[in-house]
Amino acid sequence: MTSIVKAANAAQFLALVPRLAGYQPTESLVLVPFVGTRTTGVMRVDLPVGSDADEVDRCAATFLGMICRLPEVDGFAAIVYTAASYRDGMPHRALLEALAVRADAAGLRVSDALCVAADGWGSTLDPESPDAGWDLDEIERGAEAMPELPAPTGDQASGATLPAPDLATKERVARALTQLDAAIRAVLGTPTKERIDPQAVAAIDALDDVPSLFEEVVETEAGTAAEFDLALLTWCLSRPALRDVALVQWCGTLLDGDDALDAQARWENGEAYPPDIARRMWGEGPMPDVERLNRALDAARAAAAAAPRARRAGALATCAWLSWALGRSTHAAAFAEMAFAIEPDHGLAGIVLTMVNAGHLPEWAFHRPRPGEPAGDRGPDPT
C-alpha cells in the first residue's frame, strides 16, 4: 500500500490512519512509515503489557527495527490506540518517548507521536496538548475532510472468522467427503460394497493434475464452489504434502506448483528438498500477488467453514499461513488457534504460532512498491 498523505493537522491524520489500515485499531501501537510525505504502509503491533522501563525500551527497539527493515524510509509517525483514560496523563507516553529516542539514534525523523485514548487524544510533540487531551470530536471533524475514503469497520481482529454456510451446504459437503473417502479407498484397491457417487469419482480424477486443481481454486469466483470442490480442497489441505504444494503455488504460479509437486515426490524418494522452494514457506523470495493470496484465503475459509469440525484443521492451518503471508499476524494466530482446538499437535498451526509469537513476518512484507507500480500489487502491508 502506497499513499500520499494529505492531512492538514494531527486530527485529520488520526482520522486518515484507520482508513489507510482498513480497520479501527484497538490496544495497539500503529507505525506509519514515510518516504518523504508518502506512506509505505501501516504497521500494527499489540501494546506492551506492563510498564517496566526496560521492557518498554526493549519493545521500542523491536518496533523500530521493523521500520528500519523498510527500504528508503526516512521517518514515521507513531500512534497509540488504547481504551485507557487520559485522567492521569497520556497513556503509554513512555513507549512513544522511547521510540523517539531510538529513532533519533537511528537517524529517522518522527513526524508525530500520538495517543488516542478513551477520553481524549494528544501528541508528545505538541507543547500545547492539554493534560486531559484534546476532544475526540476533533478527529471526527477531521474525517469530514476526506468523504471519499470509507470509514473503517471492525478492529484488527475483524475478518479472522469463517463464513457461515447454510446447514444444507454443510450436510452436502460432509456427504461429499464421505463419498470421496470411499472413492479414494476403491482407487487404492480396498474392496468395498459401498455405492460410490459418480461425482466423487469425477472429483478424484482432478488429483491426476494437482497443480491444475489448485490453480482452479484461485480462479473460481468466491462463494461459487460446488460441494465436491469444497470437499476435495478440504481433503487436500489436510495432507501436508499436497497442502505445501498449494501454498508454494499460490505464492507464485502454476509452474511453481509443478516444481513443488516434483520436489515433494523426489523428497519422498530420499532426495534433498530444494532450498529455493522451501524458503517460500518461510516467507522468503519474490513478492507474491496479494490478490492471488486473498483468493486462496477466501477458498480455504470457505472449505473450513463447510467441512465437518473434525476435518477442518488442515484448512484452518492453511488460512493461518495465508494470513501470515499477507502480513496479518493477528488473523494468522486466530486461525492457528482454531486449528489447534481441533488438532492440538497440528504441525503447520504450530509453525505459524511460533512465527507470530516471535514477531517474525515474511520478508516480502517489508518490500516497497517500485516507482510507477500500482499500489497494492506488490504484497501485504504488515498490519
Protein backbone atom coordinates (compact mmCIF):
# COMPACT_ATOMS: atom_id res chain seq x y z
CA MET A 1 0.00 0.00 0.00
CA THR A 2 1.40 3.39 -1.00
CA SER A 3 -0.37 6.70 -0.39
CA ILE A 4 0.35 10.40 -0.44
CA VAL A 5 -0.65 11.68 2.99
CA LYS A 6 -2.83 14.77 2.74
CA ALA A 7 -3.78 15.83 6.24
CA ALA A 8 -3.93 19.44 7.33
CA ASN A 9 -3.36 18.70 11.02
CA ALA A 10 -2.93 15.93 13.55
CA ALA A 11 -6.68 15.38 13.96
CA GLN A 12 -7.09 14.82 10.22
CA PHE A 13 -4.11 12.47 10.24
CA LEU A 14 -5.71 10.46 13.05
CA ALA A 15 -8.90 10.26 11.00
CA LEU A 16 -6.90 9.12 7.99
CA VAL A 17 -4.86 6.32 9.55
CA PRO A 18 -7.73 3.85 10.24
CA ARG A 19 -8.89 4.44 6.67
CA LEU A 20 -5.44 3.54 5.39
CA ALA A 21 -5.39 0.43 7.58
CA GLY A 22 -8.95 -0.60 6.75
CA TYR A 23 -9.92 -1.07 10.40
CA GLN A 24 -10.03 0.78 13.72
CA PRO A 25 -7.01 -0.32 15.79
CA THR A 26 -7.58 -1.18 19.43
CA GLU A 27 -4.97 -1.62 22.20
CA SER A 28 -2.35 -1.17 19.53
CA LEU A 29 0.71 0.75 18.51
CA VAL A 30 0.41 1.78 14.86
CA LEU A 31 3.50 2.86 12.96
CA VAL A 32 3.12 4.75 9.68
CA PRO A 33 6.45 4.76 7.81
CA PHE A 34 7.24 7.61 5.40
CA VAL A 35 9.46 8.19 2.43
CA GLY A 36 9.13 11.94 2.27
CA THR A 37 5.38 12.55 2.52
CA ARG A 38 4.47 9.17 1.02
CA THR A 39 3.39 6.34 3.29
CA THR A 40 4.66 2.84 2.62
CA GLY A 41 2.04 1.01 4.64
CA VAL A 42 0.58 0.76 8.10
CA MET A 43 2.20 -1.49 10.68
CA ARG A 44 0.32 -2.59 13.80
CA VAL A 45 1.57 -4.35 16.91
CA ASP A 46 -0.08 -5.09 20.24
CA LEU A 47 0.71 -2.64 23.01
CA PRO A 48 3.27 -3.96 25.50
CA VAL A 49 1.84 -5.45 28.67
CA GLY A 50 3.17 -3.70 31.74
CA SER A 51 5.17 -0.52 32.15
CA ASP A 52 8.64 -1.68 33.25
CA ALA A 53 11.13 0.76 31.75
CA ASP A 54 13.47 -1.94 30.43
CA GLU A 55 10.58 -3.81 28.83
CA VAL A 56 9.24 -0.64 27.22
CA ASP A 57 12.68 0.16 25.82
CA ARG A 58 13.10 -3.39 24.52
CA CYS A 59 9.73 -3.20 22.77
CA ALA A 60 10.60 0.21 21.30
CA ALA A 61 13.84 -1.23 19.90
CA THR A 62 11.97 -4.17 18.36
CA PHE A 63 9.30 -1.98 16.82
CA LEU A 64 11.84 0.45 15.40
CA GLY A 65 13.72 -2.50 13.93
CA MET A 66 10.63 -3.26 11.86
CA ILE A 67 10.70 0.28 10.47
CA CYS A 68 14.40 0.06 9.69
CA ARG A 69 13.82 -3.02 7.53
CA LEU A 70 11.76 -0.95 5.11
CA PRO A 71 13.90 0.37 2.25
CA GLU A 72 14.27 4.13 1.80
CA VAL A 73 12.11 5.01 4.81
CA ASP A 74 13.30 8.25 6.39
CA GLY A 75 10.66 8.79 9.07
CA PHE A 76 7.48 7.56 10.69
CA ALA A 77 4.53 8.54 12.82
CA ALA A 78 3.63 6.50 15.90
CA ILE A 79 0.10 6.27 17.29
CA VAL A 80 -1.08 4.52 20.43
CA TYR A 81 -4.70 3.38 20.43
CA THR A 82 -5.99 2.42 23.86
CA ALA A 83 -9.14 2.25 25.96
CA ALA A 84 -7.20 3.71 28.90
CA SER A 85 -8.11 7.15 30.24
CA TYR A 86 -6.23 10.43 29.95
CA ARG A 87 -7.20 11.10 33.56
CA ASP A 88 -3.66 10.53 34.84
CA GLY A 89 -1.92 11.86 31.75
CA MET A 90 -1.21 10.44 28.32
CA PRO A 91 -1.34 6.63 28.39
CA HIS A 92 1.78 4.86 27.10
CA ARG A 93 3.74 8.11 26.87
CA ALA A 94 6.87 6.20 27.92
CA LEU A 95 6.59 3.97 24.85
CA LEU A 96 6.22 6.91 22.48
CA GLU A 97 9.17 8.68 24.09
CA ALA A 98 11.32 5.52 23.92
CA LEU A 99 10.52 5.22 20.22
CA ALA A 100 11.62 8.83 19.70
CA VAL A 101 14.94 8.19 21.44
CA ARG A 102 15.54 5.07 19.36
CA ALA A 103 14.55 6.89 16.17
CA ASP A 104 16.98 9.70 16.87
CA ALA A 105 19.79 7.19 17.32
CA ALA A 106 18.84 5.54 14.01
CA GLY A 107 18.67 8.84 12.13
CA LEU A 108 14.93 8.64 11.50
CA ARG A 109 12.61 11.61 11.90
CA VAL A 110 9.46 11.24 13.98
CA SER A 111 6.65 13.02 12.15
CA ASP A 112 4.42 12.74 15.19
CA ALA A 113 3.91 10.63 18.30
CA LEU A 114 0.23 10.49 19.17
CA CYS A 115 -2.11 8.76 21.56
CA VAL A 116 -5.83 8.18 21.04
CA ALA A 117 -7.34 7.19 24.37
CA ALA A 118 -10.88 6.58 25.60
CA ASP A 119 -11.50 10.21 26.53
CA GLY A 120 -9.03 12.31 24.56
CA TRP A 121 -6.05 12.44 22.25
CA GLY A 122 -2.74 14.24 22.15
CA SER A 123 0.80 14.38 20.88
CA THR A 124 4.07 14.16 22.78
CA LEU A 125 5.47 16.67 20.27
CA ASP A 126 2.74 19.28 20.90
CA PRO A 127 3.63 21.51 23.87
CA GLU A 128 0.09 22.90 23.84
CA SER A 129 -1.54 19.49 24.19
CA PRO A 130 -3.72 19.72 27.34
CA ASP A 131 -3.12 17.38 30.25
CA ALA A 132 -6.55 15.82 29.69
CA GLY A 133 -6.01 15.54 25.93
CA TRP A 134 -7.84 17.16 23.04
CA ASP A 135 -11.51 16.42 22.40
CA LEU A 136 -12.07 13.23 20.36
CA ASP A 137 -14.69 15.12 18.35
CA GLU A 138 -11.81 16.86 16.57
CA ILE A 139 -10.90 13.54 14.95
CA GLU A 140 -14.49 13.08 13.81
CA ARG A 141 -14.44 16.54 12.30
CA GLY A 142 -11.15 15.67 10.61
CA ALA A 143 -12.88 12.74 8.90
CA GLU A 144 -15.29 15.16 7.25
CA ALA A 145 -12.39 16.41 5.13
CA MET A 146 -12.00 13.00 3.45
CA PRO A 147 -15.50 11.87 2.41
CA GLU A 148 -14.04 9.84 -0.46
CA LEU A 149 -12.39 7.41 1.98
CA PRO A 150 -14.74 4.85 3.55
CA ALA A 151 -14.96 4.74 7.32
CA PRO A 152 -13.28 1.64 8.78
CA THR A 153 -15.39 -1.24 10.05
CA GLY A 154 -14.26 -3.52 12.85
CA ASP A 155 -10.86 -3.73 14.51
CA GLN A 156 -7.66 -5.64 13.71
CA ALA A 157 -9.29 -8.95 14.62
CA SER A 158 -12.21 -8.48 12.22
CA GLY A 159 -12.05 -10.97 9.37
CA ALA A 160 -10.36 -13.70 11.38
CA THR A 161 -13.56 -15.71 11.22
CA LEU A 162 -15.15 -18.25 8.95
CA PRO A 163 -18.12 -17.53 6.70
CA ALA A 164 -21.42 -19.06 7.77
CA PRO A 165 -22.68 -21.54 5.15
CA ASP A 166 -26.23 -22.80 5.49
CA LEU A 167 -26.87 -26.16 7.10
CA ALA A 168 -27.78 -27.79 3.78
CA THR A 169 -24.39 -26.87 2.29
CA LYS A 170 -22.55 -28.29 5.30
CA GLU A 171 -24.52 -31.52 5.08
CA ARG A 172 -23.79 -31.86 1.36
CA VAL A 173 -20.06 -31.24 1.90
CA ALA A 174 -20.00 -33.81 4.73
CA ARG A 175 -21.62 -36.38 2.44
CA ALA A 176 -19.21 -35.44 -0.36
CA LEU A 177 -16.22 -36.02 1.94
CA THR A 178 -17.58 -39.44 2.90
CA GLN A 179 -18.01 -40.31 -0.77
CA LEU A 180 -14.52 -39.03 -1.61
CA ASP A 181 -13.04 -41.22 1.11
CA ALA A 182 -14.87 -44.24 -0.32
CA ALA A 183 -13.80 -43.44 -3.88
CA ILE A 184 -10.16 -43.00 -2.89
CA ARG A 185 -10.17 -46.28 -0.95
CA ALA A 186 -11.58 -48.03 -4.01
CA VAL A 187 -8.94 -46.49 -6.30
CA LEU A 188 -6.23 -47.64 -3.90
CA GLY A 189 -7.58 -51.19 -4.12
CA THR A 190 -9.51 -51.52 -0.88
CA PRO A 191 -12.56 -53.73 -1.53
CA THR A 192 -15.88 -52.04 -0.83
CA LYS A 193 -19.54 -52.86 -1.16
CA GLU A 194 -20.47 -49.19 -0.95
CA ARG A 195 -22.06 -47.47 -3.90
CA ILE A 196 -19.65 -44.73 -4.93
CA ASP A 197 -21.13 -41.48 -6.15
CA PRO A 198 -20.01 -40.82 -9.75
CA GLN A 199 -19.36 -37.19 -8.73
CA ALA A 200 -16.78 -38.46 -6.23
CA VAL A 201 -15.05 -40.49 -8.93
CA ALA A 202 -15.03 -37.45 -11.22
CA ALA A 203 -13.69 -35.27 -8.39
CA ILE A 204 -10.71 -37.51 -7.60
CA ASP A 205 -9.76 -37.51 -11.27
CA ALA A 206 -8.56 -33.96 -10.55
CA LEU A 207 -5.83 -35.48 -8.35
CA ASP A 208 -4.09 -36.63 -11.54
CA ASP A 209 -3.05 -32.98 -12.00
CA VAL A 210 -2.86 -31.41 -8.56
CA PRO A 211 -1.37 -28.07 -9.68
CA SER A 212 -4.25 -27.56 -12.14
CA LEU A 213 -6.67 -28.32 -9.31
CA PHE A 214 -5.04 -25.69 -7.07
CA GLU A 215 -4.98 -23.19 -9.93
CA GLU A 216 -8.72 -23.63 -10.42
CA VAL A 217 -9.19 -22.83 -6.73
CA VAL A 218 -7.83 -19.29 -7.18
CA GLU A 219 -9.64 -18.81 -10.49
CA THR A 220 -13.09 -19.75 -9.15
CA GLU A 221 -15.28 -16.87 -8.05
CA ALA A 222 -15.61 -16.73 -4.27
CA GLY A 223 -18.74 -18.38 -2.95
CA THR A 224 -19.47 -20.42 -6.09
CA ALA A 225 -17.55 -23.66 -5.39
CA ALA A 226 -19.67 -26.82 -5.52
CA GLU A 227 -19.80 -29.20 -2.58
CA PHE A 228 -17.44 -31.77 -4.16
CA ASP A 229 -14.97 -28.96 -4.94
CA LEU A 230 -15.05 -27.84 -1.31
CA ALA A 231 -14.74 -31.43 -0.11
CA LEU A 232 -11.76 -32.15 -2.38
CA LEU A 233 -9.99 -28.96 -1.29
CA THR A 234 -10.58 -29.88 2.37
CA TRP A 235 -9.17 -33.36 1.69
CA CYS A 236 -6.05 -31.92 0.00
CA LEU A 237 -5.38 -29.31 2.68
CA SER A 238 -5.49 -31.99 5.37
CA ARG A 239 -2.49 -33.69 3.73
CA PRO A 240 0.73 -31.75 4.38
CA ALA A 241 2.47 -32.80 1.17
CA LEU A 242 -0.39 -31.54 -1.02
CA ARG A 243 -1.06 -28.50 1.16
CA ASP A 244 2.54 -27.33 0.88
CA VAL A 245 2.38 -27.64 -2.92
CA ALA A 246 -0.73 -25.44 -2.80
CA LEU A 247 0.94 -22.79 -0.63
CA VAL A 248 4.03 -22.60 -2.83
CA GLN A 249 1.86 -22.40 -5.96
CA TRP A 250 -0.46 -19.74 -4.55
CA CYS A 251 2.64 -17.67 -3.71
CA GLY A 252 3.74 -17.99 -7.32
CA THR A 253 2.36 -19.62 -10.45
CA LEU A 254 1.11 -22.90 -11.83
CA LEU A 255 4.68 -23.73 -12.86
CA ASP A 256 5.81 -23.22 -9.26
CA GLY A 257 3.19 -25.78 -8.26
CA ASP A 258 4.60 -28.24 -10.80
CA ASP A 259 8.08 -27.71 -9.37
CA ALA A 260 6.87 -28.12 -5.78
CA LEU A 261 4.99 -31.33 -6.60
CA ASP A 262 8.06 -32.76 -8.34
CA ALA A 263 10.26 -31.72 -5.39
CA GLN A 264 7.86 -33.41 -2.98
CA ALA A 265 7.99 -36.67 -4.94
CA ARG A 266 11.79 -36.57 -5.08
CA TRP A 267 12.00 -35.81 -1.35
CA GLU A 268 9.81 -38.82 -0.58
CA ASN A 269 12.31 -40.90 -2.57
CA GLY A 270 15.20 -39.69 -0.42
CA GLU A 271 16.46 -36.63 -2.31
CA ALA A 272 17.06 -33.27 -0.65
CA TYR A 273 14.22 -30.77 -0.83
CA PRO A 274 15.26 -27.76 -2.98
CA PRO A 275 16.01 -24.80 -0.69
CA ASP A 276 14.66 -22.27 -3.21
CA ILE A 277 11.23 -23.88 -2.89
CA ALA A 278 11.40 -24.44 0.87
CA ARG A 279 12.25 -20.78 1.51
CA ARG A 280 8.83 -19.72 0.22
CA MET A 281 7.26 -21.41 3.24
CA TRP A 282 9.40 -19.19 5.48
CA GLY A 283 8.32 -16.01 3.72
CA GLU A 284 11.39 -15.53 1.58
CA GLY A 285 11.70 -14.92 -2.14
CA PRO A 286 9.78 -12.82 -4.67
CA MET A 287 6.74 -10.83 -3.61
CA PRO A 288 3.54 -12.87 -4.09
CA ASP A 289 0.47 -11.47 -5.82
CA VAL A 290 -1.73 -10.17 -2.99
CA GLU A 291 -4.97 -10.68 -4.89
CA ARG A 292 -3.99 -14.28 -5.59
CA LEU A 293 -3.24 -14.91 -1.91
CA ASN A 294 -6.53 -13.32 -0.91
CA ARG A 295 -8.45 -15.56 -3.34
CA ALA A 296 -6.68 -18.59 -1.92
CA LEU A 297 -7.54 -17.44 1.61
CA ASP A 298 -11.20 -16.98 0.67
CA ALA A 299 -11.26 -20.51 -0.76
CA ALA A 300 -9.58 -22.04 2.31
CA ARG A 301 -12.00 -20.19 4.62
CA ALA A 302 -14.96 -21.45 2.60
CA ALA A 303 -13.66 -25.03 2.76
CA ALA A 304 -13.05 -24.84 6.52
CA ALA A 305 -16.48 -23.37 7.14
CA ALA A 306 -18.31 -26.02 5.12
CA ALA A 307 -16.39 -29.05 6.39
CA PRO A 308 -17.34 -31.04 9.49
CA ARG A 309 -15.48 -29.66 12.50
CA ALA A 310 -13.31 -32.76 12.91
CA ARG A 311 -11.94 -32.27 9.40
CA ARG A 312 -11.31 -28.51 9.44
CA ALA A 313 -7.83 -28.35 10.95
CA GLY A 314 -5.91 -28.55 7.68
CA ALA A 315 -7.96 -25.82 6.03
CA LEU A 316 -7.73 -23.65 9.16
CA ALA A 317 -3.95 -24.02 9.33
CA THR A 318 -3.85 -23.06 5.65
CA CYS A 319 -5.88 -19.94 6.49
CA ALA A 320 -3.36 -19.20 9.24
CA TRP A 321 -0.37 -19.44 6.90
CA LEU A 322 -2.02 -17.40 4.14
CA SER A 323 -2.97 -14.70 6.66
CA TRP A 324 0.62 -14.65 7.89
CA ALA A 325 1.87 -14.42 4.30
CA LEU A 326 -0.41 -11.40 3.83
CA GLY A 327 1.15 -9.76 6.91
CA ARG A 328 -1.95 -10.26 9.10
CA SER A 329 -0.38 -11.80 12.16
CA THR A 330 -3.45 -11.25 14.36
CA HIS A 331 -5.61 -13.20 11.91
CA ALA A 332 -2.92 -15.85 11.48
CA ALA A 333 -2.81 -16.52 15.22
CA ALA A 334 -6.60 -16.73 15.42
CA PHE A 335 -6.86 -19.32 12.63
CA ALA A 336 -3.93 -21.31 14.06
CA GLU A 337 -5.63 -21.43 17.46
CA MET A 338 -8.82 -22.69 15.78
CA ALA A 339 -6.81 -25.49 14.16
CA PHE A 340 -5.17 -26.34 17.50
CA ALA A 341 -8.60 -26.57 19.15
CA ILE A 342 -9.31 -29.47 16.78
CA GLU A 343 -5.81 -31.00 16.46
CA PRO A 344 -3.61 -29.89 19.39
CA ASP A 345 -0.44 -31.15 17.67
CA HIS A 346 -1.09 -29.77 14.19
CA GLY A 347 2.31 -29.06 12.63
CA LEU A 348 1.62 -26.07 10.39
CA ALA A 349 -0.57 -24.39 13.00
CA GLY A 350 2.31 -24.71 15.47
CA ILE A 351 4.81 -23.26 12.99
CA VAL A 352 2.56 -20.26 12.29
CA LEU A 353 2.02 -19.57 16.00
CA THR A 354 5.76 -19.81 16.64
CA MET A 355 6.46 -17.26 13.90
CA VAL A 356 3.71 -14.93 15.11
CA ASN A 357 4.80 -15.12 18.75
CA ALA A 358 8.38 -14.36 17.68
CA GLY A 359 7.20 -11.33 15.71
CA HIS A 360 8.52 -12.90 12.50
CA LEU A 361 6.89 -11.52 9.36
CA PRO A 362 7.53 -12.66 5.79
CA GLU A 363 10.44 -10.93 4.11
CA TRP A 364 8.16 -9.62 1.40
CA ALA A 365 6.04 -7.74 3.95
CA PHE A 366 8.86 -5.19 4.06
CA HIS A 367 9.10 -4.67 0.32
CA ARG A 368 8.01 -1.33 -1.07
CA PRO A 369 6.38 -0.81 -4.49
CA ARG A 370 8.77 0.44 -7.15
CA PRO A 371 8.08 3.89 -8.64
CA GLY A 372 5.19 3.69 -11.08
CA GLU A 373 4.00 0.34 -9.77
CA PRO A 374 0.25 0.25 -8.93
CA ALA A 375 -0.48 0.37 -5.21
CA GLY A 376 -1.46 -2.96 -3.74
CA ASP A 377 0.21 -5.10 -6.44
CA ARG A 378 3.34 -5.99 -4.52
CA GLY A 379 2.17 -7.72 -1.42
CA PRO A 380 0.86 -7.12 2.03
CA ASP A 381 1.23 -4.25 4.40
CA PRO A 382 2.47 -5.73 7.68
CA THR A 383 -0.56 -4.99 9.86
